[in-house]
Amino acid sequence: MSHIHQDLHNAFPDDALVLRRLKVADPDFLALAARFDEIDAAAHAIEVGAPASDVRLEAIKKRRLAVLDDIAALVDRAKVAEAAMPDEATHEREHPGPVA
């Protein structure tokens, strides 16, 4: 089995600015991102040889997807909120700062 570590920038390649804003402003996002990293690391460890059953690995993968769904909901909400403030969002899209 081959596992490539996922990160949120790979999962949401078009939303780097939104991810950066959420990292700064949303403690719920930070908690979910940390949980996602923990689960992804656990899946990676199993796939490279840590002892675990296939059932355990599948359960971990399902949890990772559930957390990713929760993160996607936060990203979508942030994008809706951003759309409500088009002038500021347009400026940042045209002049983005460094990606965190």
PDB file of N, CA and C in Angstrom:
ATOM      1  N   MET A   1       0.835  -1.178   0.000  1.00  0.00           N
ATOM      2  CA  MET A   1       0.000   0.000   0.000  1.00  0.00           C
ATOM      3  C   MET A   1       0.875   1.234   0.000  1.00  0.00           C
ATOM      4  N   SER A   2       0.442   2.208  -0.754  1.00  0.00           N
ATOM      5  CA  SER A   2       1.198   3.443  -0.823  1.00  0.00           C
ATOM      6  C   SER A   2       0.321   4.593  -0.341  1.00  0.00           C
ATOM      7  N   HIS A   3       0.846   5.352   0.577  1.00  0.00           N
ATOM      8  CA  HIS A   3       0.081   6.470   1.112  1.00  0.00           C
ATOM      9  C   HIS A   3       0.895   7.739   0.947  1.00  0.00           C
ATOM     10  N   ILE A   4       0.281   8.728   0.378  1.00  0.00           N
ATOM     11  CA  ILE A   4       0.893  10.044   0.273  1.00  0.00           C
ATOM     12  C   ILE A   4       0.220  10.910   1.326  1.00  0.00           C
ATOM     13  N   HIS A   5       1.047  11.523   2.171  1.00  0.00           N
ATOM     14  CA  HIS A   5       0.470  12.410   3.181  1.00  0.00           C
ATOM     15  C   HIS A   5      -0.374  13.463   2.488  1.00  0.00           C
ATOM     16  N   GLN A   6      -1.566  13.650   3.003  1.00  0.00           N
ATOM     17  CA  GLN A   6      -2.411  14.715   2.499  1.00  0.00           C
ATOM     18  C   GLN A   6      -2.190  15.937   3.362  1.00  0.00           C
ATOM     19  N   ASP A   7      -2.301  17.079   2.761  1.00  0.00           N
ATOM     20  CA  ASP A   7      -2.393  18.280   3.573  1.00  0.00           C
ATOM     21  C   ASP A   7      -3.546  19.095   3.028  1.00  0.00           C
ATOM     22  N   LEU A   8      -3.962  20.053   3.778  1.00  0.00           N
ATOM     23  CA  LEU A   8      -5.164  20.780   3.403  1.00  0.00           C
ATOM     24  C   LEU A   8      -4.979  21.606   2.143  1.00  0.00           C
ATOM     25  N   HIS A   9      -3.761  22.051   1.876  1.00  0.00           N
ATOM     26  CA  HIS A   9      -3.524  22.802   0.644  1.00  0.00           C
ATOM     27  C   HIS A   9      -3.639  21.895  -0.576  1.00  0.00           C
ATOM     28  N   ASN A  10      -3.321  20.623  -0.432  1.00  0.00           N
ATOM     29  CA  ASN A  10      -3.531  19.683  -1.533  1.00  0.00           C
ATOM     30  C   ASN A  10      -5.005  19.324  -1.665  1.00  0.00           C
ATOM     31  N   ALA A  11      -5.699  19.222  -0.564  1.00  0.00           N
ATOM     32  CA  ALA A  11      -7.118  18.886  -0.585  1.00  0.00           C
ATOM     33  C   ALA A  11      -7.959  20.048  -1.122  1.00  0.00           C
ATOM     34  N   PHE A  12      -7.504  21.267  -0.900  1.00  0.00           N
ATOM     35  CA  PHE A  12      -8.223  22.472  -1.332  1.00  0.00           C
ATOM     36  C   PHE A  12      -7.271  23.386  -2.103  1.00  0.00           C
ATOM     37  N   PRO A  13      -6.810  22.947  -3.267  1.00  0.00           N
ATOM     38  CA  PRO A  13      -5.771  23.698  -3.975  1.00  0.00           C
ATOM     39  C   PRO A  13      -6.199  25.095  -4.425  1.00  0.00           C
ATOM     40  N   ASP A  14      -7.477  25.325  -4.609  1.00  0.00           N
ATOM     41  CA  ASP A  14      -7.944  26.636  -5.058  1.00  0.00           C
ATOM     42  C   ASP A  14      -8.321  27.559  -3.910  1.00  0.00           C
ATOM     43  N   ASP A  15      -8.118  27.111  -2.694  1.00  0.00           N
ATOM     44  CA  ASP A  15      -8.578  27.864  -1.531  1.00  0.00           C
ATOM     45  C   ASP A  15      -7.462  28.228  -0.567  1.00  0.00           C
ATOM     46  N   ALA A  16      -6.270  28.466  -1.076  1.00  0.00           N
ATOM     47  CA  ALA A  16      -5.140  28.781  -0.198  1.00  0.00           C
ATOM     48  C   ALA A  16      -5.401  30.018   0.650  1.00  0.00           C
ATOM     49  N   LEU A  17      -6.001  31.035   0.063  1.00  0.00           N
ATOM     50  CA  LEU A  17      -6.281  32.264   0.803  1.00  0.00           C
ATOM     51  C   LEU A  17      -7.297  32.008   1.910  1.00  0.00           C
ATOM     52  N   VAL A  18      -8.330  31.252   1.598  1.00  0.00           N
ATOM     53  CA  VAL A  18      -9.348  30.929   2.598  1.00  0.00           C
ATOM     54  C   VAL A  18      -8.724  30.115   3.731  1.00  0.00           C
ATOM     55  N   LEU A  19      -7.895  29.138   3.392  1.00  0.00           N
ATOM     56  CA  LEU A  19      -7.231  28.332   4.425  1.00  0.00           C
ATOM     57  C   LEU A  19      -6.368  29.216   5.325  1.00  0.00           C
ATOM     58  N   ARG A  20      -5.654  30.145   4.728  1.00  0.00           N
ATOM     59  CA  ARG A  20      -4.790  31.035   5.497  1.00  0.00           C
ATOM     60  C   ARG A  20      -5.627  31.872   6.468  1.00  0.00           C
ATOM     61  N   ARG A  21      -6.750  32.391   5.982  1.00  0.00           N
ATOM     62  CA  ARG A  21      -7.610  33.201   6.854  1.00  0.00           C
ATOM     63  C   ARG A  21      -8.181  32.364   7.988  1.00  0.00           C
ATOM     64  N   LEU A  22      -8.627  31.166   7.668  1.00  0.00           N
ATOM     65  CA  LEU A  22      -9.190  30.299   8.708  1.00  0.00           C
ATOM     66  C   LEU A  22      -8.144  29.936   9.755  1.00  0.00           C
ATOM     67  N   LYS A  23      -6.909  29.691   9.339  1.00  0.00           N
ATOM     68  CA  LYS A  23      -5.844  29.363  10.296  1.00  0.00           C
ATOM     69  C   LYS A  23      -5.642  30.481  11.302  1.00  0.00           C
ATOM     70  N   VAL A  24      -5.816  31.705  10.852  1.00  0.00           N
ATOM     71  CA  VAL A  24      -5.602  32.865  11.717  1.00  0.00           C
ATOM     72  C   VAL A  24      -6.812  33.167  12.592  1.00  0.00           C
ATOM     73  N   ALA A  25      -8.014  32.957  12.046  1.00  0.00           N
ATOM     74  CA  ALA A  25      -9.197  33.497  12.701  1.00  0.00           C
ATOM     75  C   ALA A  25     -10.160  32.480  13.304  1.00  0.00           C
ATOM     76  N   ASP A  26     -10.006  31.197  13.012  1.00  0.00           N
ATOM     77  CA  ASP A  26     -11.044  30.247  13.420  1.00  0.00           C
ATOM     78  C   ASP A  26     -10.461  29.100  14.245  1.00  0.00           C
ATOM     79  N   PRO A  27     -10.670  29.129  15.561  1.00  0.00           N
ATOM     80  CA  PRO A  27     -10.131  28.058  16.408  1.00  0.00           C
ATOM     81  C   PRO A  27     -10.739  26.688  16.090  1.00  0.00           C
ATOM     82  N   ASP A  28     -11.987  26.665  15.623  1.00  0.00           N
ATOM     83  CA  ASP A  28     -12.588  25.386  15.232  1.00  0.00           C
ATOM     84  C   ASP A  28     -11.843  24.792  14.035  1.00  0.00           C
ATOM     85  N   PHE A  29     -11.485  25.646  13.096  1.00  0.00           N
ATOM     86  CA  PHE A  29     -10.715  25.187  11.943  1.00  0.00           C
ATOM     87  C   PHE A  29      -9.363  24.635  12.399  1.00  0.00           C
ATOM     88  N   LEU A  30      -8.705  25.346  13.287  1.00  0.00           N
ATOM     89  CA  LEU A  30      -7.401  24.887  13.773  1.00  0.00           C
ATOM     90  C   LEU A  30      -7.507  23.514  14.432  1.00  0.00           C
ATOM     91  N   ALA A  31      -8.559  23.313  15.224  1.00  0.00           N
ATOM     92  CA  ALA A  31      -8.749  22.022  15.891  1.00  0.00           C
ATOM     93  C   ALA A  31      -9.001  20.921  14.862  1.00  0.00           C
ATOM     94  N   LEU A  32      -9.835  21.199  13.856  1.00  0.00           N
ATOM     95  CA  LEU A  32     -10.097  20.199  12.821  1.00  0.00           C
ATOM     96  C   LEU A  32      -8.849  19.913  11.993  1.00  0.00           C
ATOM     97  N   ALA A  33      -8.086  20.946  11.681  1.00  0.00           N
ATOM     98  CA  ALA A  33      -6.857  20.757  10.904  1.00  0.00           C
ATOM     99  C   ALA A  33      -5.863  19.889  11.685  1.00  0.00           C
ATOM    100  N   ALA A  34      -5.749  20.130  12.979  1.00  0.00           N
ATOM    101  CA  ALA A  34      -4.854  19.313  13.805  1.00  0.00           C
ATOM    102  C   ALA A  34      -5.343  17.871  13.860  1.00  0.00           C
ATOM    103  N   ARG A  35      -6.641  17.696  13.986  1.00  0.00           N
ATOM    104  CA  ARG A  35      -7.216  16.343  14.008  1.00  0.00           C
ATOM    105  C   ARG A  35      -6.973  15.634  12.681  1.00  0.00           C
ATOM    106  N   PHE A  36      -7.164  16.357  11.582  1.00  0.00           N
ATOM    107  CA  PHE A  36      -6.906  15.790  10.261  1.00  0.00           C
ATOM    108  C   PHE A  36      -5.457  15.327  10.154  1.00  0.00           C
ATOM    109  N   ASP A  37      -4.517  16.158  10.601  1.00  0.00           N
ATOM    110  CA  ASP A  37      -3.097  15.790  10.545  1.00  0.00           C
ATOM    111  C   ASP A  37      -2.812  14.539  11.375  1.00  0.00           C
ATOM    112  N   GLU A  38      -3.418  14.440  12.570  1.00  0.00           N
ATOM    113  CA  GLU A  38      -3.231  13.253  13.422  1.00  0.00           C
ATOM    114  C   GLU A  38      -3.739  11.993  12.732  1.00  0.00           C
ATOM    115  N   ILE A  39      -4.936  12.088  12.164  1.00  0.00           N
ATOM    116  CA  ILE A  39      -5.537  10.925  11.509  1.00  0.00           C
ATOM    117  C   ILE A  39      -4.735  10.537  10.276  1.00  0.00           C
ATOM    118  N   ASP A  40      -4.304  11.530   9.513  1.00  0.00           N
ATOM    119  CA  ASP A  40      -3.510  11.247   8.317  1.00  0.00           C
ATOM    120  C   ASP A  40      -2.188  10.580   8.689  1.00  0.00           C
ATOM    121  N   ALA A  41      -1.564  11.050   9.763  1.00  0.00           N
ATOM    122  CA  ALA A  41      -0.315  10.433  10.224  1.00  0.00           C
ATOM    123  C   ALA A  41      -0.546   8.986  10.653  1.00  0.00           C
ATOM    124  N   ALA A  42      -1.671   8.716  11.304  1.00  0.00           N
ATOM    125  CA  ALA A  42      -1.993   7.347  11.721  1.00  0.00           C
ATOM    126  C   ALA A  42      -2.186   6.451  10.504  1.00  0.00           C
ATOM    127  N   ALA A  43      -2.887   6.941   9.491  1.00  0.00           N
ATOM    128  CA  ALA A  43      -3.079   6.161   8.267  1.00  0.00           C
ATOM    129  C   ALA A  43      -1.740   5.895   7.594  1.00  0.00           C
ATOM    130  N   HIS A  44      -0.901   6.904   7.534  1.00  0.00           N
ATOM    131  CA  HIS A  44       0.413   6.746   6.915  1.00  0.00           C
ATOM    132  C   HIS A  44       1.247   5.707   7.671  1.00  0.00           C
ATOM    133  N   ALA A  45       1.242   5.776   8.986  1.00  0.00           N
ATOM    134  CA  ALA A  45       2.022   4.825   9.784  1.00  0.00           C
ATOM    135  C   ALA A  45       1.595   3.389   9.508  1.00  0.00           C
ATOM    136  N   ILE A  46       0.301   3.170   9.411  1.00  0.00           N
ATOM    137  CA  ILE A  46      -0.195   1.819   9.137  1.00  0.00           C
ATOM    138  C   ILE A  46       0.215   1.379   7.738  1.00  0.00           C
ATOM    139  N   GLU A  47       0.079   2.275   6.791  1.00  0.00           N
ATOM    140  CA  GLU A  47       0.378   1.902   5.412  1.00  0.00           C
ATOM    141  C   GLU A  47       1.866   1.651   5.164  1.00  0.00           C
ATOM    142  N   VAL A  48       2.726   2.197   6.001  1.00  0.00           N
ATOM    143  CA  VAL A  48       4.150   1.928   5.833  1.00  0.00           C
ATOM    144  C   VAL A  48       4.651   0.839   6.773  1.00  0.00           C
ATOM    145  N   GLY A  49       3.716   0.182   7.472  1.00  0.00           N
ATOM    146  CA  GLY A  49       4.152  -0.980   8.220  1.00  0.00           C
ATOM    147  C   GLY A  49       3.736  -1.122   9.662  1.00  0.00           C
ATOM    148  N   ALA A  50       3.136  -0.109  10.262  1.00  0.00           N
ATOM    149  CA  ALA A  50       2.684  -0.251  11.643  1.00  0.00           C
ATOM    150  C   ALA A  50       1.608  -1.340  11.695  1.00  0.00           C
ATOM    151  N   PRO A  51       1.629  -2.151  12.718  1.00  0.00           N
ATOM    152  CA  PRO A  51       0.661  -3.252  12.773  1.00  0.00           C
ATOM    153  C   PRO A  51      -0.771  -2.734  13.000  1.00  0.00           C
ATOM    154  N   ALA A  52      -1.655  -3.180  12.126  1.00  0.00           N
ATOM    155  CA  ALA A  52      -3.083  -2.865  12.256  1.00  0.00           C
ATOM    156  C   ALA A  52      -3.829  -3.685  11.212  1.00  0.00           C
ATOM    157  N   SER A  53      -5.061  -3.965  11.509  1.00  0.00           N
ATOM    158  CA  SER A  53      -5.868  -4.735  10.568  1.00  0.00           C
ATOM    159  C   SER A  53      -6.376  -3.826   9.448  1.00  0.00           C
ATOM    160  N   ASP A  54      -6.817  -4.453   8.382  1.00  0.00           N
ATOM    161  CA  ASP A  54      -7.421  -3.694   7.287  1.00  0.00           C
ATOM    162  C   ASP A  54      -8.669  -2.964   7.765  1.00  0.00           C
ATOM    163  N   VAL A  55      -9.390  -3.583   8.686  1.00  0.00           N
ATOM    164  CA  VAL A  55     -10.593  -2.955   9.237  1.00  0.00           C
ATOM    165  C   VAL A  55     -10.224  -1.666   9.967  1.00  0.00           C
ATOM    166  N   ARG A  56      -9.160  -1.716  10.748  1.00  0.00           N
ATOM    167  CA  ARG A  56      -8.685  -0.521  11.476  1.00  0.00           C
ATOM    168  C   ARG A  56      -8.270   0.571  10.509  1.00  0.00           C
ATOM    169  N   LEU A  57      -7.536   0.201   9.460  1.00  0.00           N
ATOM    170  CA  LEU A  57      -7.099   1.194   8.478  1.00  0.00           C
ATOM    171  C   LEU A  57      -8.307   1.829   7.791  1.00  0.00           C
ATOM    172  N   GLU A  58      -9.274   1.041   7.429  1.00  0.00           N
ATOM    173  CA  GLU A  58     -10.471   1.586   6.775  1.00  0.00           C
ATOM    174  C   GLU A  58     -11.233   2.514   7.713  1.00  0.00           C
ATOM    175  N   ALA A  59     -11.294   2.183   8.998  1.00  0.00           N
ATOM    176  CA  ALA A  59     -11.963   3.052   9.973  1.00  0.00           C
ATOM    177  C   ALA A  59     -11.240   4.397  10.071  1.00  0.00           C
ATOM    178  N   ILE A  60      -9.920   4.345  10.069  1.00  0.00           N
ATOM    179  CA  ILE A  60      -9.129   5.579  10.128  1.00  0.00           C
ATOM    180  C   ILE A  60      -9.370   6.420   8.878  1.00  0.00           C
ATOM    181  N   LYS A  61      -9.396   5.780   7.737  1.00  0.00           N
ATOM    182  CA  LYS A  61      -9.636   6.512   6.489  1.00  0.00           C
ATOM    183  C   LYS A  61     -11.024   7.155   6.490  1.00  0.00           C
ATOM    184  N   LYS A  62     -12.009   6.459   7.026  1.00  0.00           N
ATOM    185  CA  LYS A  62     -13.362   7.023   7.102  1.00  0.00           C
ATOM    186  C   LYS A  62     -13.397   8.229   8.034  1.00  0.00           C
ATOM    187  N   ARG A  63     -12.668   8.143   9.156  1.00  0.00           N
ATOM    188  CA  ARG A  63     -12.599   9.295  10.064  1.00  0.00           C
ATOM    189  C   ARG A  63     -11.926  10.471   9.383  1.00  0.00           C
ATOM    190  N   ARG A  64     -10.854  10.184   8.627  1.00  0.00           N
ATOM    191  CA  ARG A  64     -10.149  11.254   7.911  1.00  0.00           C
ATOM    192  C   ARG A  64     -11.100  11.943   6.937  1.00  0.00           C
ATOM    193  N   LEU A  65     -11.896  11.163   6.206  1.00  0.00           N
ATOM    194  CA  LEU A  65     -12.855  11.752   5.271  1.00  0.00           C
ATOM    195  C   LEU A  65     -13.925  12.564   5.989  1.00  0.00           C
ATOM    196  N   ALA A  66     -14.368  12.089   7.139  1.00  0.00           N
ATOM    197  CA  ALA A  66     -15.375  12.833   7.904  1.00  0.00           C
ATOM    198  C   ALA A  66     -14.822  14.179   8.363  1.00  0.00           C
ATOM    199  N   VAL A  67     -13.583  14.180   8.842  1.00  0.00           N
ATOM    200  CA  VAL A  67     -12.959  15.440   9.268  1.00  0.00           C
ATOM    201  C   VAL A  67     -12.762  16.346   8.063  1.00  0.00           C
ATOM    202  N   LEU A  68     -12.359  15.779   6.943  1.00  0.00           N
ATOM    203  CA  LEU A  68     -12.194  16.559   5.729  1.00  0.00           C
ATOM    204  C   LEU A  68     -13.527  17.177   5.294  1.00  0.00           C
ATOM    205  N   ASP A  69     -14.619  16.445   5.445  1.00  0.00           N
ATOM    206  CA  ASP A  69     -15.945  16.992   5.145  1.00  0.00           C
ATOM    207  C   ASP A  69     -16.263  18.173   6.061  1.00  0.00           C
ATOM    208  N   ASP A  70     -15.932  18.046   7.347  1.00  0.00           N
ATOM    209  CA  ASP A  70     -16.168  19.150   8.285  1.00  0.00           C
ATOM    210  C   ASP A  70     -15.333  20.376   7.909  1.00  0.00           C
ATOM    211  N   ILE A  71     -14.104  20.141   7.495  1.00  0.00           N
ATOM    212  CA  ILE A  71     -13.237  21.241   7.067  1.00  0.00           C
ATOM    213  C   ILE A  71     -13.800  21.879   5.802  1.00  0.00           C
ATOM    214  N   ALA A  72     -14.266  21.058   4.869  1.00  0.00           N
ATOM    215  CA  ALA A  72     -14.854  21.585   3.631  1.00  0.00           C
ATOM    216  C   ALA A  72     -16.042  22.486   3.939  1.00  0.00           C
ATOM    217  N   ALA A  73     -16.839  22.118   4.940  1.00  0.00           N
ATOM    218  CA  ALA A  73     -17.981  22.951   5.322  1.00  0.00           C
ATOM    219  C   ALA A  73     -17.509  24.311   5.842  1.00  0.00           C
ATOM    220  N   LEU A  74     -16.442  24.310   6.646  1.00  0.00           N
ATOM    221  CA  LEU A  74     -15.902  25.583   7.136  1.00  0.00           C
ATOM    222  C   LEU A  74     -15.339  26.420   5.987  1.00  0.00           C
ATOM    223  N   VAL A  75     -14.654  25.777   5.056  1.00  0.00           N
ATOM    224  CA  VAL A  75     -14.112  26.489   3.896  1.00  0.00           C
ATOM    225  C   VAL A  75     -15.259  27.092   3.087  1.00  0.00           C
ATOM    226  N   ASP A  76     -16.306  26.310   2.850  1.00  0.00           N
ATOM    227  CA  ASP A  76     -17.449  26.819   2.088  1.00  0.00           C
ATOM    228  C   ASP A  76     -18.103  28.004   2.793  1.00  0.00           C
ATOM    229  N   ARG A  77     -18.280  27.905   4.111  1.00  0.00           N
ATOM    230  CA  ARG A  77     -18.865  29.028   4.863  1.00  0.00           C
ATOM    231  C   ARG A  77     -17.992  30.269   4.762  1.00  0.00           C
ATOM    232  N   ALA A  78     -16.686  30.077   4.846  1.00  0.00           N
ATOM    233  CA  ALA A  78     -15.772  31.217   4.753  1.00  0.00           C
ATOM    234  C   ALA A  78     -15.849  31.855   3.360  1.00  0.00           C
ATOM    235  N   LYS A  79     -15.999  31.026   2.339  1.00  0.00           N
ATOM    236  CA  LYS A  79     -16.108  31.556   0.977  1.00  0.00           C
ATOM    237  C   LYS A  79     -17.405  32.340   0.798  1.00  0.00           C
ATOM    238  N   VAL A  80     -18.490  31.872   1.400  1.00  0.00           N
ATOM    239  CA  VAL A  80     -19.759  32.598   1.340  1.00  0.00           C
ATOM    240  C   VAL A  80     -19.611  33.935   2.053  1.00  0.00           C
ATOM    241  N   ALA A  81     -18.982  33.914   3.219  1.00  0.00           N
ATOM    242  CA  ALA A  81     -18.767  35.162   3.960  1.00  0.00           C
ATOM    243  C   ALA A  81     -17.874  36.109   3.166  1.00  0.00           C
ATOM    244  N   GLU A  82     -16.876  35.558   2.504  1.00  0.00           N
ATOM    245  CA  GLU A  82     -15.980  36.375   1.683  1.00  0.00           C
ATOM    246  C   GLU A  82     -16.744  37.006   0.527  1.00  0.00           C
ATOM    247  N   ALA A  83     -17.659  36.261  -0.055  1.00  0.00           N
ATOM    248  CA  ALA A  83     -18.450  36.785  -1.175  1.00  0.00           C
ATOM    249  C   ALA A  83     -19.324  37.949  -0.733  1.00  0.00           C
ATOM    250  N   ALA A  84     -19.680  37.985   0.540  1.00  0.00           N
ATOM    251  CA  ALA A  84     -20.487  39.084   1.062  1.00  0.00           C
ATOM    252  C   ALA A  84     -19.674  40.366   1.188  1.00  0.00           C
ATOM    253  N   MET A  85     -18.341  40.247   1.142  1.00  0.00           N
ATOM    254  CA  MET A  85     -17.436  41.399   1.208  1.00  0.00           C
ATOM    255  C   MET A  85     -16.542  41.384  -0.022  1.00  0.00           C
ATOM    256  N   PRO A  86     -17.088  41.616  -1.219  1.00  0.00           N
ATOM    257  CA  PRO A  86     -16.316  41.429  -2.444  1.00  0.00           C
ATOM    258  C   PRO A  86     -15.135  42.377  -2.605  1.00  0.00           C
ATOM    259  N   ASP A  87     -15.216  43.593  -2.102  1.00  0.00           N
ATOM    260  CA  ASP A  87     -14.106  44.517  -2.309  1.00  0.00           C
ATOM    261  C   ASP A  87     -12.829  44.039  -1.637  1.00  0.00           C
ATOM    262  N   GLU A  88     -12.922  43.640  -0.371  1.00  0.00           N
ATOM    263  CA  GLU A  88     -11.750  43.158   0.365  1.00  0.00           C
ATOM    264  C   GLU A  88     -11.240  41.850  -0.223  1.00  0.00           C
ATOM    265  N   ALA A  89     -12.133  40.941  -0.533  1.00  0.00           N
ATOM    266  CA  ALA A  89     -11.740  39.642  -1.083  1.00  0.00           C
ATOM    267  C   ALA A  89     -11.070  39.815  -2.428  1.00  0.00           C
ATOM    268  N   THR A  90     -11.596  40.707  -3.274  1.00  0.00           N
ATOM    269  CA  THR A  90     -10.998  40.943  -4.583  1.00  0.00           C
ATOM    270  C   THR A  90      -9.594  41.483  -4.424  1.00  0.00           C
ATOM    271  N   HIS A  91      -9.405  42.416  -3.506  1.00  0.00           N
ATOM    272  CA  HIS A  91      -8.071  42.985  -3.282  1.00  0.00           C
ATOM    273  C   HIS A  91      -7.076  41.898  -2.873  1.00  0.00           C
ATOM    274  N   GLU A  92      -7.483  41.017  -1.956  1.00  0.00           N
ATOM    275  CA  GLU A  92      -6.565  39.980  -1.498  1.00  0.00           C
ATOM    276  C   GLU A  92      -6.283  38.950  -2.582  1.00  0.00           C
ATOM    277  N   ARG A  93      -7.263  38.661  -3.431  1.00  0.00           N
ATOM    278  CA  ARG A  93      -7.012  37.723  -4.521  1.00  0.00           C
ATOM    279  C   ARG A  93      -6.032  38.316  -5.525  1.00  0.00           C
ATOM    280  N   GLU A  94      -6.143  39.634  -5.751  1.00  0.00           N
ATOM    281  CA  GLU A  94      -5.265  40.265  -6.700  1.00  0.00           C
ATOM    282  C   GLU A  94      -3.881  40.543  -6.125  1.00  0.00           C
ATOM    283  N   HIS A  95      -3.790  40.659  -4.795  1.00  0.00           N
ATOM    284  CA  HIS A  95      -2.526  40.959  -4.116  1.00  0.00           C
ATOM    285  C   HIS A  95      -2.339  40.040  -2.925  1.00  0.00           C
ATOM    286  N   PRO A  96      -2.228  38.734  -3.172  1.00  0.00           N
ATOM    287  CA  PRO A  96      -2.113  37.803  -2.032  1.00  0.00           C
ATOM    288  C   PRO A  96      -0.766  37.951  -1.322  1.00  0.00           C
ATOM    289  N   GLY A  97      -0.826  37.695  -0.025  1.00  0.00           N
ATOM    290  CA  GLY A  97       0.410  37.661   0.756  1.00  0.00           C
ATOM    291  C   GLY A  97       1.032  36.290   0.614  1.00  0.00           C
ATOM    292  N   PRO A  98       2.106  36.022   1.301  1.00  0.00           N
ATOM    293  CA  PRO A  98       2.738  34.705   1.227  1.00  0.00           C
ATOM    294  C   PRO A  98       1.806  33.610   1.771  1.00  0.00           C
ATOM    295  N   VAL A  99       1.845  32.461   1.155  1.00  0.00           N
ATOM    296  CA  VAL A  99       1.017  31.336   1.592  1.00  0.00           C
ATOM    297  C   VAL A  99       1.621  30.768   2.859  1.00  0.00           C
ATOM    298  N   ALA A 100       0.766  30.571   3.869  1.00  0.00           N
ATOM    299  CA  ALA A 100       1.235  30.033   5.164  1.00  0.00           C
ATOM    300  C   ALA A 100       1.482  28.559   5.055  1.00  0.00           C
TER     301      ALA A 100
END
